[in-house]
Amino acid sequence: MLKRWLLSILLNAVALIVVDQLFANFFLEGFGTALLASLILSILNVVIKPLLILLTLPITVITLGLFLFIINAITLMITQGFLGGSFVIDGFGVAVLAAIILSLLNLLLNRLIRDTIDLNR
């Protein structure tokens, strides 16, 4: 389980670097910052995200789950607050776009890695 969590943090850091390259208004100082941001995001996803989902459940249901991207953007903005100048997102709109791209990249990377691991067994 620890291996899976560490792999998830590593893959999320790679996805953050990709998003950094895609958007001019999304800045990461380096891969170390991406790893730290990924670690903070994983902690926020365990601690704060369930509370936000519970509080916004009616709007999440009405939007058929699309409001979850807004919640992911909020967790990105909170992470930015923890890291200060080494992780900067210029605007909430960029955070929402980054959350969408991060979700898609994490899905693809996790499937690719899982398929690769399954082939090696």
N, C-alpha and C. Protein backbone atom coordinates (compact mmCIF):
# COMPACT_ATOMS: atom_id res chain seq x y z
N MET A 1 0.82 -1.19 0.00
CA MET A 1 0.00 0.00 0.00
C MET A 1 0.87 1.26 0.00
N LEU A 2 1.97 1.23 0.75
CA LEU A 2 2.88 2.37 0.78
C LEU A 2 3.52 2.58 -0.59
N LYS A 3 3.85 1.47 -1.28
CA LYS A 3 4.43 1.58 -2.62
C LYS A 3 3.46 2.27 -3.58
N ARG A 4 2.19 1.88 -3.49
CA ARG A 4 1.18 2.46 -4.37
C ARG A 4 1.02 3.96 -4.11
N TRP A 5 1.04 4.35 -2.82
CA TRP A 5 0.91 5.76 -2.46
C TRP A 5 2.11 6.56 -2.95
N LEU A 6 3.32 6.02 -2.77
CA LEU A 6 4.52 6.71 -3.23
C LEU A 6 4.53 6.82 -4.76
N LEU A 7 4.11 5.76 -5.43
CA LEU A 7 4.02 5.80 -6.89
C LEU A 7 3.00 6.84 -7.34
N SER A 8 1.89 6.93 -6.62
CA SER A 8 0.87 7.92 -6.94
C SER A 8 1.42 9.34 -6.78
N ILE A 9 2.18 9.58 -5.73
CA ILE A 9 2.79 10.89 -5.51
C ILE A 9 3.77 11.21 -6.63
N LEU A 10 4.57 10.23 -7.02
CA LEU A 10 5.53 10.43 -8.11
C LEU A 10 4.83 10.73 -9.43
N LEU A 11 3.79 9.98 -9.75
CA LEU A 11 3.05 10.20 -11.00
C LEU A 11 2.33 11.55 -10.99
N ASN A 12 1.81 11.94 -9.83
CA ASN A 12 1.15 13.24 -9.73
C ASN A 12 2.17 14.36 -9.91
N ALA A 13 3.38 14.17 -9.41
CA ALA A 13 4.43 15.17 -9.59
C ALA A 13 4.78 15.31 -11.07
N VAL A 14 4.84 14.20 -11.78
CA VAL A 14 5.10 14.24 -13.22
C VAL A 14 3.97 15.00 -13.93
N ALA A 15 2.73 14.72 -13.53
CA ALA A 15 1.58 15.41 -14.13
C ALA A 15 1.64 16.91 -13.83
N LEU A 16 2.06 17.28 -12.63
CA LEU A 16 2.20 18.70 -12.29
C LEU A 16 3.26 19.37 -13.18
N ILE A 17 4.35 18.68 -13.44
CA ILE A 17 5.39 19.23 -14.32
C ILE A 17 4.84 19.42 -15.74
N VAL A 18 4.04 18.47 -16.21
CA VAL A 18 3.45 18.60 -17.54
C VAL A 18 2.52 19.81 -17.59
N VAL A 19 1.69 19.98 -16.56
CA VAL A 19 0.79 21.13 -16.51
C VAL A 19 1.59 22.43 -16.45
N ASP A 20 2.71 22.41 -15.73
CA ASP A 20 3.59 23.58 -15.67
C ASP A 20 4.09 23.96 -17.07
N GLN A 21 4.36 22.96 -17.89
CA GLN A 21 4.84 23.22 -19.24
C GLN A 21 3.71 23.70 -20.17
N LEU A 22 2.48 23.30 -19.87
CA LEU A 22 1.35 23.65 -20.73
C LEU A 22 0.83 25.08 -20.52
N PHE A 23 0.87 25.56 -19.27
CA PHE A 23 0.27 26.85 -18.95
C PHE A 23 1.33 27.84 -18.51
N ALA A 24 1.29 29.03 -19.08
CA ALA A 24 2.23 30.09 -18.68
C ALA A 24 1.88 30.63 -17.30
N ASN A 25 0.62 30.53 -16.90
CA ASN A 25 0.18 31.06 -15.61
C ASN A 25 0.25 30.03 -14.48
N PHE A 26 0.94 28.94 -14.71
CA PHE A 26 1.11 27.87 -13.72
C PHE A 26 2.61 27.64 -13.59
N PHE A 27 3.17 27.94 -12.42
CA PHE A 27 4.62 27.90 -12.26
C PHE A 27 5.02 26.98 -11.11
N LEU A 28 5.93 26.08 -11.41
CA LEU A 28 6.58 25.22 -10.41
C LEU A 28 8.08 25.46 -10.50
N GLU A 29 8.72 25.59 -9.36
CA GLU A 29 10.15 25.89 -9.34
C GLU A 29 11.01 24.74 -9.85
N GLY A 30 10.57 23.52 -9.67
CA GLY A 30 11.33 22.36 -10.11
C GLY A 30 10.64 21.07 -9.72
N PHE A 31 11.32 19.95 -9.98
CA PHE A 31 10.71 18.65 -9.69
C PHE A 31 10.56 18.43 -8.19
N GLY A 32 11.49 18.94 -7.39
CA GLY A 32 11.37 18.83 -5.94
C GLY A 32 10.12 19.52 -5.43
N THR A 33 9.85 20.69 -5.98
CA THR A 33 8.62 21.42 -5.61
C THR A 33 7.40 20.64 -6.07
N ALA A 34 7.48 20.02 -7.23
CA ALA A 34 6.36 19.21 -7.73
C ALA A 34 6.11 18.02 -6.80
N LEU A 35 7.17 17.39 -6.31
CA LEU A 35 7.02 16.27 -5.38
C LEU A 35 6.38 16.74 -4.07
N LEU A 36 6.85 17.87 -3.56
CA LEU A 36 6.29 18.41 -2.33
C LEU A 36 4.83 18.81 -2.52
N ALA A 37 4.52 19.43 -3.65
CA ALA A 37 3.14 19.81 -3.95
C ALA A 37 2.27 18.56 -4.07
N SER A 38 2.79 17.53 -4.68
CA SER A 38 2.05 16.28 -4.82
C SER A 38 1.79 15.65 -3.45
N LEU A 39 2.76 15.71 -2.56
CA LEU A 39 2.59 15.19 -1.21
C LEU A 39 1.52 15.98 -0.46
N ILE A 40 1.58 17.30 -0.55
CA ILE A 40 0.58 18.14 0.12
C ILE A 40 -0.80 17.89 -0.47
N LEU A 41 -0.88 17.76 -1.80
CA LEU A 41 -2.18 17.47 -2.44
C LEU A 41 -2.75 16.14 -1.95
N SER A 42 -1.90 15.14 -1.80
CA SER A 42 -2.41 13.84 -1.35
C SER A 42 -2.94 13.94 0.08
N ILE A 43 -2.28 14.72 0.92
CA ILE A 43 -2.76 14.90 2.29
C ILE A 43 -4.08 15.67 2.28
N LEU A 44 -4.16 16.73 1.47
CA LEU A 44 -5.40 17.50 1.37
C LEU A 44 -6.54 16.65 0.83
N ASN A 45 -6.23 15.76 -0.11
CA ASN A 45 -7.26 14.89 -0.68
C ASN A 45 -7.81 13.91 0.34
N VAL A 46 -7.02 13.59 1.36
CA VAL A 46 -7.49 12.69 2.41
C VAL A 46 -8.23 13.45 3.50
N VAL A 47 -7.75 14.65 3.83
CA VAL A 47 -8.27 15.38 4.98
C VAL A 47 -9.39 16.35 4.60
N ILE A 48 -9.15 17.21 3.63
CA ILE A 48 -10.08 18.31 3.34
C ILE A 48 -11.07 17.98 2.23
N LYS A 49 -10.64 17.27 1.22
CA LYS A 49 -11.51 17.01 0.07
C LYS A 49 -12.82 16.31 0.45
N PRO A 50 -12.80 15.28 1.31
CA PRO A 50 -14.09 14.66 1.67
C PRO A 50 -15.04 15.64 2.35
N LEU A 51 -14.51 16.54 3.16
CA LEU A 51 -15.35 17.54 3.81
C LEU A 51 -15.95 18.50 2.78
N LEU A 52 -15.13 18.93 1.82
CA LEU A 52 -15.64 19.81 0.76
C LEU A 52 -16.70 19.10 -0.08
N ILE A 53 -16.49 17.84 -0.37
CA ILE A 53 -17.47 17.08 -1.16
C ILE A 53 -18.78 16.97 -0.39
N LEU A 54 -18.69 16.70 0.90
CA LEU A 54 -19.89 16.59 1.72
C LEU A 54 -20.65 17.91 1.78
N LEU A 55 -19.93 19.00 1.94
CA LEU A 55 -20.57 20.31 2.04
C LEU A 55 -21.20 20.76 0.71
N THR A 56 -20.64 20.30 -0.39
CA THR A 56 -21.13 20.74 -1.70
C THR A 56 -21.87 19.63 -2.44
N LEU A 57 -22.33 18.63 -1.72
CA LEU A 57 -22.99 17.48 -2.35
C LEU A 57 -24.17 17.86 -3.23
N PRO A 58 -25.06 18.75 -2.80
CA PRO A 58 -26.19 19.08 -3.70
C PRO A 58 -25.74 19.66 -5.05
N ILE A 59 -24.79 20.59 -5.03
CA ILE A 59 -24.34 21.17 -6.31
C ILE A 59 -23.55 20.15 -7.12
N THR A 60 -22.85 19.25 -6.45
CA THR A 60 -22.12 18.20 -7.17
C THR A 60 -23.09 17.27 -7.88
N VAL A 61 -24.18 16.94 -7.23
CA VAL A 61 -25.20 16.07 -7.84
C VAL A 61 -25.86 16.79 -9.01
N ILE A 62 -26.20 18.07 -8.82
CA ILE A 62 -26.87 18.84 -9.87
C ILE A 62 -25.98 18.96 -11.11
N THR A 63 -24.67 19.12 -10.90
CA THR A 63 -23.75 19.28 -12.03
C THR A 63 -23.21 17.93 -12.53
N LEU A 64 -23.79 16.86 -12.04
CA LEU A 64 -23.40 15.50 -12.43
C LEU A 64 -21.92 15.22 -12.17
N GLY A 65 -21.41 15.76 -11.07
CA GLY A 65 -20.03 15.50 -10.67
C GLY A 65 -19.00 16.48 -11.19
N LEU A 66 -19.40 17.36 -12.10
CA LEU A 66 -18.44 18.30 -12.67
C LEU A 66 -17.91 19.30 -11.63
N PHE A 67 -18.67 19.51 -10.56
CA PHE A 67 -18.21 20.42 -9.52
C PHE A 67 -16.98 19.87 -8.80
N LEU A 68 -16.71 18.58 -8.95
CA LEU A 68 -15.51 18.00 -8.35
C LEU A 68 -14.23 18.63 -8.91
N PHE A 69 -14.29 19.11 -10.16
CA PHE A 69 -13.13 19.82 -10.71
C PHE A 69 -12.90 21.13 -9.96
N ILE A 70 -13.96 21.77 -9.54
CA ILE A 70 -13.84 23.00 -8.75
C ILE A 70 -13.20 22.68 -7.40
N ILE A 71 -13.62 21.58 -6.78
CA ILE A 71 -13.03 21.16 -5.51
C ILE A 71 -11.55 20.84 -5.69
N ASN A 72 -11.20 20.17 -6.79
CA ASN A 72 -9.79 19.89 -7.08
C ASN A 72 -9.01 21.19 -7.27
N ALA A 73 -9.62 22.17 -7.91
CA ALA A 73 -8.96 23.47 -8.10
C ALA A 73 -8.76 24.15 -6.75
N ILE A 74 -9.72 24.02 -5.86
CA ILE A 74 -9.58 24.60 -4.52
C ILE A 74 -8.40 23.96 -3.79
N THR A 75 -8.28 22.64 -3.88
CA THR A 75 -7.15 21.98 -3.22
C THR A 75 -5.82 22.40 -3.85
N LEU A 76 -5.82 22.63 -5.16
CA LEU A 76 -4.61 23.16 -5.80
C LEU A 76 -4.25 24.54 -5.27
N MET A 77 -5.25 25.39 -5.11
CA MET A 77 -5.01 26.74 -4.61
C MET A 77 -4.53 26.70 -3.15
N ILE A 78 -5.06 25.79 -2.35
CA ILE A 78 -4.59 25.64 -0.97
C ILE A 78 -3.13 25.18 -0.96
N THR A 79 -2.79 24.24 -1.83
CA THR A 79 -1.42 23.77 -1.95
C THR A 79 -0.50 24.91 -2.34
N GLN A 80 -0.94 25.73 -3.26
CA GLN A 80 -0.16 26.90 -3.66
C GLN A 80 0.09 27.81 -2.47
N GLY A 81 -0.91 27.95 -1.61
CA GLY A 81 -0.76 28.77 -0.42
C GLY A 81 0.31 28.25 0.52
N PHE A 82 0.42 26.93 0.63
CA PHE A 82 1.44 26.34 1.49
C PHE A 82 2.85 26.53 0.93
N LEU A 83 2.99 26.48 -0.38
CA LEU A 83 4.32 26.50 -0.99
C LEU A 83 4.82 27.89 -1.37
N GLY A 84 3.96 28.87 -1.32
CA GLY A 84 4.40 30.24 -1.57
C GLY A 84 4.88 30.45 -3.00
N GLY A 85 6.03 31.13 -3.14
CA GLY A 85 6.53 31.53 -4.44
C GLY A 85 7.09 30.40 -5.30
N SER A 86 7.31 29.24 -4.72
CA SER A 86 7.84 28.14 -5.53
C SER A 86 6.76 27.41 -6.31
N PHE A 87 5.50 27.70 -6.00
CA PHE A 87 4.36 27.12 -6.73
C PHE A 87 3.32 28.21 -6.85
N VAL A 88 3.11 28.70 -8.07
CA VAL A 88 2.23 29.85 -8.29
C VAL A 88 1.21 29.50 -9.37
N ILE A 89 -0.06 29.76 -9.07
CA ILE A 89 -1.14 29.63 -10.05
C ILE A 89 -1.78 31.01 -10.14
N ASP A 90 -1.71 31.62 -11.32
CA ASP A 90 -2.26 32.96 -11.52
C ASP A 90 -3.73 32.88 -11.91
N GLY A 91 -4.61 32.79 -10.92
CA GLY A 91 -6.03 32.83 -11.19
C GLY A 91 -6.73 31.50 -10.96
N PHE A 92 -7.99 31.61 -10.57
CA PHE A 92 -8.78 30.42 -10.29
C PHE A 92 -9.14 29.67 -11.57
N GLY A 93 -9.32 30.39 -12.67
CA GLY A 93 -9.62 29.73 -13.95
C GLY A 93 -8.49 28.81 -14.38
N VAL A 94 -7.27 29.26 -14.19
CA VAL A 94 -6.10 28.43 -14.51
C VAL A 94 -6.09 27.20 -13.59
N ALA A 95 -6.46 27.40 -12.32
CA ALA A 95 -6.51 26.27 -11.39
C ALA A 95 -7.55 25.24 -11.82
N VAL A 96 -8.69 25.70 -12.32
CA VAL A 96 -9.73 24.76 -12.78
C VAL A 96 -9.23 23.98 -14.01
N LEU A 97 -8.64 24.70 -14.97
CA LEU A 97 -8.09 24.01 -16.15
C LEU A 97 -6.98 23.04 -15.75
N ALA A 98 -6.13 23.47 -14.83
CA ALA A 98 -5.06 22.59 -14.36
C ALA A 98 -5.63 21.37 -13.66
N ALA A 99 -6.70 21.53 -12.89
CA ALA A 99 -7.33 20.40 -12.21
C ALA A 99 -7.88 19.39 -13.22
N ILE A 100 -8.47 19.89 -14.29
CA ILE A 100 -9.00 19.00 -15.33
C ILE A 100 -7.87 18.24 -16.01
N ILE A 101 -6.82 18.96 -16.40
CA ILE A 101 -5.68 18.32 -17.06
C ILE A 101 -4.99 17.33 -16.11
N LEU A 102 -4.83 17.72 -14.85
CA LEU A 102 -4.20 16.82 -13.87
C LEU A 102 -5.00 15.54 -13.70
N SER A 103 -6.31 15.66 -13.65
CA SER A 103 -7.15 14.48 -13.52
C SER A 103 -6.98 13.53 -14.71
N LEU A 104 -6.99 14.10 -15.89
CA LEU A 104 -6.81 13.28 -17.10
C LEU A 104 -5.42 12.64 -17.16
N LEU A 105 -4.39 13.44 -16.84
CA LEU A 105 -3.02 12.90 -16.86
C LEU A 105 -2.83 11.81 -15.82
N ASN A 106 -3.37 12.02 -14.63
CA ASN A 106 -3.25 11.00 -13.59
C ASN A 106 -3.96 9.72 -13.99
N LEU A 107 -5.10 9.85 -14.62
CA LEU A 107 -5.82 8.68 -15.10
C LEU A 107 -4.97 7.91 -16.13
N LEU A 108 -4.44 8.64 -17.09
CA LEU A 108 -3.62 8.00 -18.13
C LEU A 108 -2.35 7.38 -17.56
N LEU A 109 -1.64 8.13 -16.73
CA LEU A 109 -0.38 7.62 -16.16
C LEU A 109 -0.62 6.41 -15.27
N ASN A 110 -1.66 6.45 -14.45
CA ASN A 110 -1.95 5.31 -13.57
C ASN A 110 -2.35 4.08 -14.38
N ARG A 111 -3.11 4.27 -15.43
CA ARG A 111 -3.48 3.12 -16.28
C ARG A 111 -2.26 2.55 -16.99
N LEU A 112 -1.41 3.42 -17.49
CA LEU A 112 -0.19 2.97 -18.18
C LEU A 112 0.71 2.20 -17.24
N ILE A 113 0.92 2.71 -16.05
CA ILE A 113 1.77 2.04 -15.08
C ILE A 113 1.14 0.73 -14.62
N ARG A 114 -0.16 0.75 -14.35
CA ARG A 114 -0.83 -0.47 -13.91
C ARG A 114 -0.76 -1.55 -14.98
N ASP A 115 -0.98 -1.18 -16.25
CA ASP A 115 -0.90 -2.14 -17.34
C ASP A 115 0.51 -2.68 -17.49
N THR A 116 1.52 -1.82 -17.32
CA THR A 116 2.91 -2.24 -17.42
C THR A 116 3.26 -3.21 -16.31
N ILE A 117 2.81 -2.92 -15.10
CA ILE A 117 3.07 -3.81 -13.96
C ILE A 117 2.36 -5.14 -14.16
N ASP A 118 1.12 -5.11 -14.67
CA ASP A 118 0.38 -6.35 -14.91
C ASP A 118 1.05 -7.20 -15.98
N LEU A 119 1.65 -6.58 -16.99
CA LEU A 119 2.34 -7.33 -18.05
C LEU A 119 3.60 -8.01 -17.53
N ASN A 120 4.24 -7.42 -16.52
CA ASN A 120 5.47 -7.98 -15.99
C ASN A 120 5.23 -9.12 -15.01
N ARG A 121 4.02 -9.37 -14.62
CA ARG A 121 3.74 -10.45 -13.66
C ARG A 121 3.59 -11.76 -14.35
